[in-house]
């Protein structure tokens, strides 16, 4: 009787549950199964135990990709958040049409298609005639091949990533700024606090929950970086990572193993190792948040 009464409700959520099972649960379960098998997509999978995981962990490309990722995260996450916070404070200082203009202008890179953003920056970074090299020429500096020099490639990518992601983080932080009571700033000004002291002692503490979200989201996004380095280096499934693998990252390595090397078992194991790393980092962030809240 209870099932019959609630049957219309179950039918309403049935399409979502079917799609969720088909496009989310099934790929996860099948990927976990194939991670313990040697499979090229054509012949039946052959069970190899943890050999795929062992092979990846001892791979030179895996070490290179994780090293690049560590440097990339260490720079792009704090730098991107600082830039976004600065933009949010700047936009918050304007009102009316100027606030809308700057908010839309800074958010524009977020909505640009990835291939278009990569095309713009490949033109900026182009040797000899690129916008950045032309500017360097005005100061008597020589041309730099930003996307083909292993010592500059990673930092060139970081600049692109900050340019693209700062607008999204800015909007989130700006929403947080709007919820800070203005009375706090007025009281601080009456006590003689300057602008920097107001930011340090009022803005940042009041933005703590929003900053936590932005930092966590930025870390998760950075650990899955793929499209920007792939497009900037003109990569394919058989040739990726750029010169000396300077822009090799875990997701790129995983895609190359799957569709370039036709090693879907290794790629599945790679995906679960990366997932484990993301879950671990996220759990540490929440643990740190809980610990700081108890202090």
C-alpha atoms as a PDB file:
ATOM      1  CA  UNK A   1       0.000   0.000   0.000  1.00  0.00           C
ATOM      2  CA  UNK A   2       2.852   2.390   0.884  1.00  0.00           C
ATOM      3  CA  UNK A   3       4.657   1.556  -2.372  1.00  0.00           C
ATOM      4  CA  UNK A   4       1.526   2.238  -4.414  1.00  0.00           C
ATOM      5  CA  UNK A   5       0.985   5.572  -2.646  1.00  0.00           C
ATOM      6  CA  UNK A   6       4.555   6.732  -3.306  1.00  0.00           C
ATOM      7  CA  UNK A   7       4.861   5.220  -6.785  1.00  0.00           C
ATOM      8  CA  UNK A   8       4.294   8.596  -8.572  1.00  0.00           C
ATOM      9  CA  UNK A   9       7.143  10.101  -6.550  1.00  0.00           C
ATOM     10  CA  UNK A  10       9.479   7.238  -7.424  1.00  0.00           C
ATOM     11  CA  UNK A  11       8.520   7.582 -11.094  1.00  0.00           C
ATOM     12  CA  UNK A  12       9.415  11.283 -10.992  1.00  0.00           C
ATOM     13  CA  UNK A  13      12.978  10.586  -9.836  1.00  0.00           C
ATOM     14  CA  UNK A  14      13.380   7.427 -11.945  1.00  0.00           C
ATOM     15  CA  UNK A  15      14.804   9.225 -15.050  1.00  0.00           C
ATOM     16  CA  UNK A  16      17.499  10.878 -12.936  1.00  0.00           C
ATOM     17  CA  UNK A  17      18.367   7.620 -11.160  1.00  0.00           C
ATOM     18  CA  UNK A  18      18.643   5.764 -14.480  1.00  0.00           C
ATOM     19  CA  UNK A  19      20.918   8.414 -15.982  1.00  0.00           C
ATOM     20  CA  UNK A  20      22.928   8.638 -12.747  1.00  0.00           C
ATOM     21  CA  UNK A  21      23.466   4.871 -12.737  1.00  0.00           C
ATOM     22  CA  UNK A  22      24.288   4.696 -16.456  1.00  0.00           C
ATOM     23  CA  UNK A  23      26.649   7.670 -16.709  1.00  0.00           C
ATOM     24  CA  UNK A  24      28.125   7.877 -13.202  1.00  0.00           C
ATOM     25  CA  UNK A  25      27.905   4.674 -11.171  1.00  0.00           C
ATOM     26  CA  UNK A  26      28.512   2.229 -14.026  1.00  0.00           C
ATOM     27  CA  UNK A  27      31.666   4.005 -15.330  1.00  0.00           C
ATOM     28  CA  UNK A  28      33.117   4.108 -11.803  1.00  0.00           C
ATOM     29  CA  UNK A  29      32.425   0.430 -11.130  1.00  0.00           C
ATOM     30  CA  UNK A  30      33.628  -0.719 -14.557  1.00  0.00           C
ATOM     31  CA  UNK A  31      36.711   1.504 -14.332  1.00  0.00           C
ATOM     32  CA  UNK A  32      37.600  -0.007 -10.963  1.00  0.00           C
ATOM     33  CA  UNK A  33      37.173  -3.485 -12.477  1.00  0.00           C
ATOM     34  CA  UNK A  34      39.384  -2.722 -15.487  1.00  0.00           C
ATOM     35  CA  UNK A  35      42.068  -1.130 -13.288  1.00  0.00           C
ATOM     36  CA  UNK A  36      43.002  -4.668 -12.217  1.00  0.00           C
ATOM     37  CA  UNK A  37      43.070  -5.983 -15.781  1.00  0.00           C
ATOM     38  CA  UNK A  38      45.221  -5.699 -18.879  1.00  0.00           C
ATOM     39  CA  UNK A  39      42.767  -4.555 -21.535  1.00  0.00           C
ATOM     40  CA  UNK A  40      43.145  -2.825 -24.876  1.00  0.00           C
ATOM     41  CA  UNK A  41      39.449  -2.540 -25.708  1.00  0.00           C
ATOM     42  CA  UNK A  42      39.532  -5.299 -28.343  1.00  0.00           C
ATOM     43  CA  UNK A  43      40.437  -8.548 -26.623  1.00  0.00           C
ATOM     44  CA  UNK A  44      38.911  -9.830 -23.368  1.00  0.00           C
ATOM     45  CA  UNK A  45      40.428  -8.255 -20.234  1.00  0.00           C
ATOM     46  CA  UNK A  46      43.153 -10.272 -18.506  1.00  0.00           C
ATOM     47  CA  UNK A  47      43.418 -10.084 -14.728  1.00  0.00           C
ATOM     48  CA  UNK A  48      46.812  -8.760 -13.565  1.00  0.00           C
ATOM     49  CA  UNK A  49      46.085  -7.813  -9.960  1.00  0.00           C
ATOM     50  CA  UNK A  50      47.768  -4.592  -8.830  1.00  0.00           C
ATOM     51  CA  UNK A  51      50.331  -4.689 -11.664  1.00  0.00           C
ATOM     52  CA  UNK A  52      48.799  -1.612 -13.327  1.00  0.00           C
ATOM     53  CA  UNK A  53      49.062   0.400 -10.117  1.00  0.00           C
ATOM     54  CA  UNK A  54      52.634  -0.750  -9.522  1.00  0.00           C
ATOM     55  CA  UNK A  55      53.645   0.064 -13.084  1.00  0.00           C
ATOM     56  CA  UNK A  56      52.208   3.573 -12.883  1.00  0.00           C
ATOM     57  CA  UNK A  57      53.762   4.361  -9.497  1.00  0.00           C
ATOM     58  CA  UNK A  58      57.195   3.315 -10.800  1.00  0.00           C
ATOM     59  CA  UNK A  59      56.778   5.144 -14.114  1.00  0.00           C
ATOM     60  CA  UNK A  60      59.087   8.057 -14.907  1.00  0.00           C
ATOM     61  CA  UNK A  61      56.212   9.922 -16.593  1.00  0.00           C
ATOM     62  CA  UNK A  62      54.115   9.586 -13.434  1.00  0.00           C
ATOM     63  CA  UNK A  63      56.895  11.117 -11.334  1.00  0.00           C
ATOM     64  CA  UNK A  64      57.328  13.938 -13.851  1.00  0.00           C
ATOM     65  CA  UNK A  65      53.594  14.617 -14.023  1.00  0.00           C
ATOM     66  CA  UNK A  66      53.220  14.704 -10.241  1.00  0.00           C
ATOM     67  CA  UNK A  67      56.266  16.970  -9.899  1.00  0.00           C
ATOM     68  CA  UNK A  68      54.849  19.396 -12.464  1.00  0.00           C
ATOM     69  CA  UNK A  69      51.478  19.242 -10.716  1.00  0.00           C
ATOM     70  CA  UNK A  70      52.994  20.019  -7.310  1.00  0.00           C
ATOM     71  CA  UNK A  71      54.766  23.141  -8.610  1.00  0.00           C
ATOM     72  CA  UNK A  72      51.681  24.165 -10.584  1.00  0.00           C
ATOM     73  CA  UNK A  73      49.404  23.892  -7.529  1.00  0.00           C
ATOM     74  CA  UNK A  74      51.880  25.596  -5.205  1.00  0.00           C
ATOM     75  CA  UNK A  75      51.939  28.692  -7.420  1.00  0.00           C
ATOM     76  CA  UNK A  76      48.644  28.909  -9.273  1.00  0.00           C
ATOM     77  CA  UNK A  77      46.265  28.308  -6.341  1.00  0.00           C
ATOM     78  CA  UNK A  78      47.547  31.033  -3.950  1.00  0.00           C
ATOM     79  CA  UNK A  79      48.351  33.423  -6.801  1.00  0.00           C
ATOM     80  CA  UNK A  80      44.956  32.925  -8.421  1.00  0.00           C
ATOM     81  CA  UNK A  81      43.121  33.504  -5.156  1.00  0.00           C
ATOM     82  CA  UNK A  82      45.135  36.637  -4.358  1.00  0.00           C
ATOM     83  CA  UNK A  83      44.403  38.049  -7.814  1.00  0.00           C
ATOM     84  CA  UNK A  84      40.715  37.149  -7.491  1.00  0.00           C
ATOM     85  CA  UNK A  85      40.500  38.763  -4.048  1.00  0.00           C
ATOM     86  CA  UNK A  86      42.173  41.900  -5.361  1.00  0.00           C
ATOM     87  CA  UNK A  87      39.736  42.067  -8.278  1.00  0.00           C
ATOM     88  CA  UNK A  88      36.780  41.476  -5.949  1.00  0.00           C
ATOM     89  CA  UNK A  89      37.889  44.312  -3.671  1.00  0.00           C
ATOM     90  CA  UNK A  90      38.359  46.556  -6.709  1.00  0.00           C
ATOM     91  CA  UNK A  91      34.942  45.792  -8.174  1.00  0.00           C
ATOM     92  CA  UNK A  92      33.328  46.149  -4.738  1.00  0.00           C
ATOM     93  CA  UNK A  93      34.686  49.697  -4.523  1.00  0.00           C
ATOM     94  CA  UNK A  94      32.616  50.703  -7.577  1.00  0.00           C
ATOM     95  CA  UNK A  95      28.862  51.107  -7.814  1.00  0.00           C
ATOM     96  CA  UNK A  96      26.293  51.184 -10.585  1.00  0.00           C
ATOM     97  CA  UNK A  97      27.278  50.707 -14.218  1.00  0.00           C
ATOM     98  CA  UNK A  98      31.018  50.752 -13.497  1.00  0.00           C
ATOM     99  CA  UNK A  99      30.689  47.842 -11.074  1.00  0.00           C
ATOM    100  CA  UNK A 100      28.753  45.887 -13.715  1.00  0.00           C
ATOM    101  CA  UNK A 101      31.302  46.780 -16.398  1.00  0.00           C
ATOM    102  CA  UNK A 102      34.339  45.610 -14.426  1.00  0.00           C
ATOM    103  CA  UNK A 103      32.576  42.498 -13.125  1.00  0.00           C
ATOM    104  CA  UNK A 104      31.634  41.454 -16.662  1.00  0.00           C
ATOM    105  CA  UNK A 105      35.062  42.334 -18.048  1.00  0.00           C
ATOM    106  CA  UNK A 106      36.933  40.268 -15.462  1.00  0.00           C
ATOM    107  CA  UNK A 107      34.491  37.372 -15.806  1.00  0.00           C
ATOM    108  CA  UNK A 108      34.796  37.251 -19.609  1.00  0.00           C
ATOM    109  CA  UNK A 109      37.763  34.804 -19.698  1.00  0.00           C
ATOM    110  CA  UNK A 110      35.714  32.263 -17.728  1.00  0.00           C
ATOM    111  CA  UNK A 111      33.058  31.959 -20.440  1.00  0.00           C
ATOM    112  CA  UNK A 112      35.503  31.849 -23.343  1.00  0.00           C
ATOM    113  CA  UNK A 113      35.797  28.385 -24.950  1.00  0.00           C
ATOM    114  CA  UNK A 114      39.054  26.693 -23.947  1.00  0.00           C
ATOM    115  CA  UNK A 115      40.324  26.469 -27.530  1.00  0.00           C
ATOM    116  CA  UNK A 116      39.727  30.196 -28.070  1.00  0.00           C
ATOM    117  CA  UNK A 117      41.536  31.148 -24.841  1.00  0.00           C
ATOM    118  CA  UNK A 118      44.441  28.878 -25.840  1.00  0.00           C
ATOM    119  CA  UNK A 119      44.549  30.440 -29.322  1.00  0.00           C
ATOM    120  CA  UNK A 120      44.701  33.940 -27.848  1.00  0.00           C
ATOM    121  CA  UNK A 121      47.556  33.028 -25.532  1.00  0.00           C
ATOM    122  CA  UNK A 122      49.473  31.100 -28.192  1.00  0.00           C
ATOM    123  CA  UNK A 123      49.406  34.311 -30.222  1.00  0.00           C
ATOM    124  CA  UNK A 124      50.537  36.344 -27.192  1.00  0.00           C
ATOM    125  CA  UNK A 125      53.367  33.884 -26.521  1.00  0.00           C
ATOM    126  CA  UNK A 126      54.384  33.446 -30.167  1.00  0.00           C
ATOM    127  CA  UNK A 127      58.139  33.990 -30.718  1.00  0.00           C
ATOM    128  CA  UNK A 128      59.258  37.117 -32.606  1.00  0.00           C
ATOM    129  CA  UNK A 129      55.806  38.509 -33.501  1.00  0.00           C
ATOM    130  CA  UNK A 130      53.799  37.595 -30.382  1.00  0.00           C
ATOM    131  CA  UNK A 131      52.410  40.465 -28.311  1.00  0.00           C
ATOM    132  CA  UNK A 132      54.566  39.640 -25.281  1.00  0.00           C
ATOM    133  CA  UNK A 133      57.765  39.295 -27.303  1.00  0.00           C
ATOM    134  CA  UNK A 134      57.035  42.546 -29.121  1.00  0.00           C
ATOM    135  CA  UNK A 135      56.686  44.234 -25.715  1.00  0.00           C
ATOM    136  CA  UNK A 136      59.969  42.677 -24.579  1.00  0.00           C
ATOM    137  CA  UNK A 137      61.603  44.029 -27.738  1.00  0.00           C
ATOM    138  CA  UNK A 138      60.666  47.564 -26.722  1.00  0.00           C
ATOM    139  CA  UNK A 139      62.940  47.121 -23.703  1.00  0.00           C
ATOM    140  CA  UNK A 140      65.770  45.672 -25.768  1.00  0.00           C
ATOM    141  CA  UNK A 141      65.170  42.090 -24.616  1.00  0.00           C
ATOM    142  CA  UNK A 142      65.458  39.116 -26.946  1.00  0.00           C
ATOM    143  CA  UNK A 143      62.615  36.906 -28.119  1.00  0.00           C
ATOM    144  CA  UNK A 144      61.548  34.040 -25.824  1.00  0.00           C
ATOM    145  CA  UNK A 145      59.816  30.904 -27.046  1.00  0.00           C
ATOM    146  CA  UNK A 146      57.524  30.653 -24.038  1.00  0.00           C
ATOM    147  CA  UNK A 147      55.738  27.472 -25.116  1.00  0.00           C
ATOM    148  CA  UNK A 148      58.800  25.581 -26.334  1.00  0.00           C
ATOM    149  CA  UNK A 149      61.296  26.392 -23.598  1.00  0.00           C
ATOM    150  CA  UNK A 150      61.163  23.915 -20.720  1.00  0.00           C
ATOM    151  CA  UNK A 151      62.215  26.592 -18.223  1.00  0.00           C
ATOM    152  CA  UNK A 152      59.317  28.942 -19.079  1.00  0.00           C
ATOM    153  CA  UNK A 153      56.494  26.624 -20.164  1.00  0.00           C
ATOM    154  CA  UNK A 154      55.083  25.899 -16.712  1.00  0.00           C
ATOM    155  CA  UNK A 155      55.050  29.563 -15.691  1.00  0.00           C
ATOM    156  CA  UNK A 156      53.433  30.490 -19.007  1.00  0.00           C
ATOM    157  CA  UNK A 157      50.661  28.008 -18.236  1.00  0.00           C
ATOM    158  CA  UNK A 158      50.221  29.433 -14.739  1.00  0.00           C
ATOM    159  CA  UNK A 159      49.693  32.920 -16.196  1.00  0.00           C
ATOM    160  CA  UNK A 160      46.989  31.557 -18.509  1.00  0.00           C
ATOM    161  CA  UNK A 161      45.300  29.658 -15.695  1.00  0.00           C
ATOM    162  CA  UNK A 162      45.222  32.686 -13.389  1.00  0.00           C
ATOM    163  CA  UNK A 163      43.795  34.790 -16.235  1.00  0.00           C
ATOM    164  CA  UNK A 164      41.041  32.242 -16.874  1.00  0.00           C
ATOM    165  CA  UNK A 165      40.133  31.267 -13.295  1.00  0.00           C
ATOM    166  CA  UNK A 166      40.417  34.617 -11.494  1.00  0.00           C
ATOM    167  CA  UNK A 167      37.072  35.829 -12.841  1.00  0.00           C
ATOM    168  CA  UNK A 168      35.135  32.878 -11.434  1.00  0.00           C
ATOM    169  CA  UNK A 169      36.755  33.155  -8.008  1.00  0.00           C
ATOM    170  CA  UNK A 170      36.233  36.914  -8.103  1.00  0.00           C
ATOM    171  CA  UNK A 171      32.453  36.502  -8.465  1.00  0.00           C
ATOM    172  CA  UNK A 172      32.332  34.071  -5.527  1.00  0.00           C
ATOM    173  CA  UNK A 173      34.436  36.350  -3.329  1.00  0.00           C
ATOM    174  CA  UNK A 174      32.453  39.403  -4.409  1.00  0.00           C
ATOM    175  CA  UNK A 175      29.257  37.716  -3.241  1.00  0.00           C
ATOM    176  CA  UNK A 176      30.947  37.132   0.113  1.00  0.00           C
ATOM    177  CA  UNK A 177      32.039  40.771   0.333  1.00  0.00           C
ATOM    178  CA  UNK A 178      28.465  41.926  -0.202  1.00  0.00           C
ATOM    179  CA  UNK A 179      27.387  39.976   2.906  1.00  0.00           C
ATOM    180  CA  UNK A 180      29.868  41.699   5.244  1.00  0.00           C
ATOM    181  CA  UNK A 181      28.007  44.309   7.328  1.00  0.00           C
ATOM    182  CA  UNK A 182      29.153  47.829   6.510  1.00  0.00           C
ATOM    183  CA  UNK A 183      28.852  48.739  10.196  1.00  0.00           C
ATOM    184  CA  UNK A 184      32.047  46.781  10.873  1.00  0.00           C
ATOM    185  CA  UNK A 185      34.034  48.965   8.480  1.00  0.00           C
ATOM    186  CA  UNK A 186      32.481  52.133   9.862  1.00  0.00           C
ATOM    187  CA  UNK A 187      33.420  51.143  13.412  1.00  0.00           C
ATOM    188  CA  UNK A 188      36.957  50.288  12.273  1.00  0.00           C
ATOM    189  CA  UNK A 189      37.366  53.674  10.569  1.00  0.00           C
ATOM    190  CA  UNK A 190      36.190  55.431  13.718  1.00  0.00           C
ATOM    191  CA  UNK A 191      38.881  53.543  15.638  1.00  0.00           C
ATOM    192  CA  UNK A 192      41.494  54.785  13.164  1.00  0.00           C
ATOM    193  CA  UNK A 193      42.001  51.564  11.140  1.00  0.00           C
ATOM    194  CA  UNK A 194      43.386  52.107   7.654  1.00  0.00           C
ATOM    195  CA  UNK A 195      42.289  50.195   4.544  1.00  0.00           C
ATOM    196  CA  UNK A 196      44.902  47.451   4.918  1.00  0.00           C
ATOM    197  CA  UNK A 197      43.978  46.859   8.564  1.00  0.00           C
ATOM    198  CA  UNK A 198      40.302  46.648   7.600  1.00  0.00           C
ATOM    199  CA  UNK A 199      41.109  43.977   5.002  1.00  0.00           C
ATOM    200  CA  UNK A 200      43.280  41.937   7.389  1.00  0.00           C
ATOM    201  CA  UNK A 201      41.082  42.146  10.491  1.00  0.00           C
ATOM    202  CA  UNK A 202      37.573  42.342   8.978  1.00  0.00           C
ATOM    203  CA  UNK A 203      37.439  41.277   5.331  1.00  0.00           C
ATOM    204  CA  UNK A 204      39.573  38.133   5.469  1.00  0.00           C
ATOM    205  CA  UNK A 205      38.076  36.709   8.726  1.00  0.00           C
ATOM    206  CA  UNK A 206      34.519  37.391   7.535  1.00  0.00           C
ATOM    207  CA  UNK A 207      35.316  35.779   4.183  1.00  0.00           C
ATOM    208  CA  UNK A 208      36.730  32.620   5.816  1.00  0.00           C
ATOM    209  CA  UNK A 209      33.864  30.273   4.736  1.00  0.00           C
ATOM    210  CA  UNK A 210      33.934  31.639   1.181  1.00  0.00           C
ATOM    211  CA  UNK A 211      37.730  31.456   1.031  1.00  0.00           C
ATOM    212  CA  UNK A 212      37.560  27.843   2.196  1.00  0.00           C
ATOM    213  CA  UNK A 213      35.251  27.004  -0.701  1.00  0.00           C
ATOM    214  CA  UNK A 214      37.412  28.886  -3.206  1.00  0.00           C
ATOM    215  CA  UNK A 215      40.639  27.248  -2.003  1.00  0.00           C
ATOM    216  CA  UNK A 216      39.121  23.749  -1.994  1.00  0.00           C
ATOM    217  CA  UNK A 217      37.550  24.203  -5.411  1.00  0.00           C
ATOM    218  CA  UNK A 218      40.785  25.638  -6.817  1.00  0.00           C
ATOM    219  CA  UNK A 219      42.810  22.698  -5.480  1.00  0.00           C
ATOM    220  CA  UNK A 220      40.430  20.138  -6.966  1.00  0.00           C
ATOM    221  CA  UNK A 221      40.375  21.953 -10.327  1.00  0.00           C
ATOM    222  CA  UNK A 222      44.167  22.320 -10.388  1.00  0.00           C
ATOM    223  CA  UNK A 223      44.687  18.616  -9.739  1.00  0.00           C
ATOM    224  CA  UNK A 224      42.577  17.840 -12.819  1.00  0.00           C
ATOM    225  CA  UNK A 225      44.275  20.336 -15.161  1.00  0.00           C
ATOM    226  CA  UNK A 226      44.150  19.093 -18.728  1.00  0.00           C
ATOM    227  CA  UNK A 227      42.682  21.295 -21.430  1.00  0.00           C
ATOM    228  CA  UNK A 228      44.906  24.363 -21.144  1.00  0.00           C
ATOM    229  CA  UNK A 229      48.323  22.617 -21.291  1.00  0.00           C
ATOM    230  CA  UNK A 230      46.975  20.217 -23.908  1.00  0.00           C
ATOM    231  CA  UNK A 231      45.870  23.045 -26.197  1.00  0.00           C
ATOM    232  CA  UNK A 232      48.820  25.344 -25.533  1.00  0.00           C
ATOM    233  CA  UNK A 233      51.277  22.634 -26.589  1.00  0.00           C
ATOM    234  CA  UNK A 234      49.174  21.379 -29.524  1.00  0.00           C
ATOM    235  CA  UNK A 235      49.195  17.896 -28.014  1.00  0.00           C
ATOM    236  CA  UNK A 236      47.781  14.685 -29.440  1.00  0.00           C
ATOM    237  CA  UNK A 237      47.202  11.283 -27.855  1.00  0.00           C
ATOM    238  CA  UNK A 238      50.596  10.114 -29.114  1.00  0.00           C
ATOM    239  CA  UNK A 239      52.572  13.298 -28.435  1.00  0.00           C
ATOM    240  CA  UNK A 240      51.774  15.377 -25.377  1.00  0.00           C
ATOM    241  CA  UNK A 241      53.420  17.178 -22.491  1.00  0.00           C
ATOM    242  CA  UNK A 242      55.478  19.604 -24.555  1.00  0.00           C
ATOM    243  CA  UNK A 243      59.257  19.876 -24.681  1.00  0.00           C
ATOM    244  CA  UNK A 244      60.937  17.576 -22.121  1.00  0.00           C
ATOM    245  CA  UNK A 245      57.485  16.891 -20.653  1.00  0.00           C
ATOM    246  CA  UNK A 246      57.532  20.340 -19.037  1.00  0.00           C
ATOM    247  CA  UNK A 247      53.729  20.510 -19.288  1.00  0.00           C
ATOM    248  CA  UNK A 248      52.970  16.867 -18.564  1.00  0.00           C
ATOM    249  CA  UNK A 249      50.188  16.444 -15.994  1.00  0.00           C
ATOM    250  CA  UNK A 250      48.412  13.366 -14.586  1.00  0.00           C
ATOM    251  CA  UNK A 251      45.192  13.652 -16.614  1.00  0.00           C
ATOM    252  CA  UNK A 252      47.197  14.130 -19.823  1.00  0.00           C
ATOM    253  CA  UNK A 253      49.325  11.078 -19.004  1.00  0.00           C
ATOM    254  CA  UNK A 254      46.177   9.077 -18.268  1.00  0.00           C
ATOM    255  CA  UNK A 255      44.551  10.081 -21.577  1.00  0.00           C
ATOM    256  CA  UNK A 256      47.732   9.286 -23.475  1.00  0.00           C
ATOM    257  CA  UNK A 257      47.941   5.807 -21.978  1.00  0.00           C
ATOM    258  CA  UNK A 258      44.281   5.149 -22.771  1.00  0.00           C
ATOM    259  CA  UNK A 259      43.887   6.488 -26.304  1.00  0.00           C
ATOM    260  CA  UNK A 260      47.501   6.720 -27.442  1.00  0.00           C
ATOM    261  CA  UNK A 261      48.931   3.536 -25.959  1.00  0.00           C
ATOM    262  CA  UNK A 262      45.568   1.686 -25.934  1.00  0.00           C
ATOM    263  CA  UNK A 263      46.201   0.617 -22.330  1.00  0.00           C
ATOM    264  CA  UNK A 264      42.793   1.141 -20.791  1.00  0.00           C
ATOM    265  CA  UNK A 265      43.593  -0.900 -17.692  1.00  0.00           C
ATOM    266  CA  UNK A 266      46.559   1.324 -16.864  1.00  0.00           C
ATOM    267  CA  UNK A 267      44.505   4.437 -17.562  1.00  0.00           C
ATOM    268  CA  UNK A 268      41.745   3.237 -15.226  1.00  0.00           C
ATOM    269  CA  UNK A 269      44.288   2.588 -12.468  1.00  0.00           C
ATOM    270  CA  UNK A 270      45.783   6.026 -13.103  1.00  0.00           C
ATOM    271  CA  UNK A 271      42.339   7.569 -12.735  1.00  0.00           C
ATOM    272  CA  UNK A 272      41.732   5.906  -9.399  1.00  0.00           C
ATOM    273  CA  UNK A 273      45.149   6.977  -8.088  1.00  0.00           C
ATOM    274  CA  UNK A 274      44.327  10.559  -9.043  1.00  0.00           C
ATOM    275  CA  UNK A 275      40.872  10.245  -7.487  1.00  0.00           C
ATOM    276  CA  UNK A 276      42.447   8.975  -4.271  1.00  0.00           C
ATOM    277  CA  UNK A 277      44.800  11.967  -4.241  1.00  0.00           C
ATOM    278  CA  UNK A 278      41.906  14.412  -4.771  1.00  0.00           C
ATOM    279  CA  UNK A 279      39.793  12.782  -2.044  1.00  0.00           C
ATOM    280  CA  UNK A 280      42.760  12.840   0.343  1.00  0.00           C
ATOM    281  CA  UNK A 281      43.467  16.527  -0.283  1.00  0.00           C
ATOM    282  CA  UNK A 282      39.771  17.400   0.108  1.00  0.00           C
ATOM    283  CA  UNK A 283      39.522  15.426   3.356  1.00  0.00           C
ATOM    284  CA  UNK A 284      42.616  17.197   4.694  1.00  0.00           C
ATOM    285  CA  UNK A 285      41.083  20.561   3.821  1.00  0.00           C
ATOM    286  CA  UNK A 286      37.887  19.747   5.740  1.00  0.00           C
ATOM    287  CA  UNK A 287      39.896  18.359   8.662  1.00  0.00           C
ATOM    288  CA  UNK A 288      41.972  21.541   8.766  1.00  0.00           C
ATOM    289  CA  UNK A 289      38.788  23.600   8.614  1.00  0.00           C
ATOM    290  CA  UNK A 290      37.260  21.682  11.519  1.00  0.00           C
ATOM    291  CA  UNK A 291      40.461  21.961  13.565  1.00  0.00           C
ATOM    292  CA  UNK A 292      40.698  25.726  13.014  1.00  0.00           C
ATOM    293  CA  UNK A 293      37.010  26.172  13.904  1.00  0.00           C
ATOM    294  CA  UNK A 294      37.564  24.411  17.266  1.00  0.00           C
ATOM    295  CA  UNK A 295      40.504  26.629  18.214  1.00  0.00           C
END
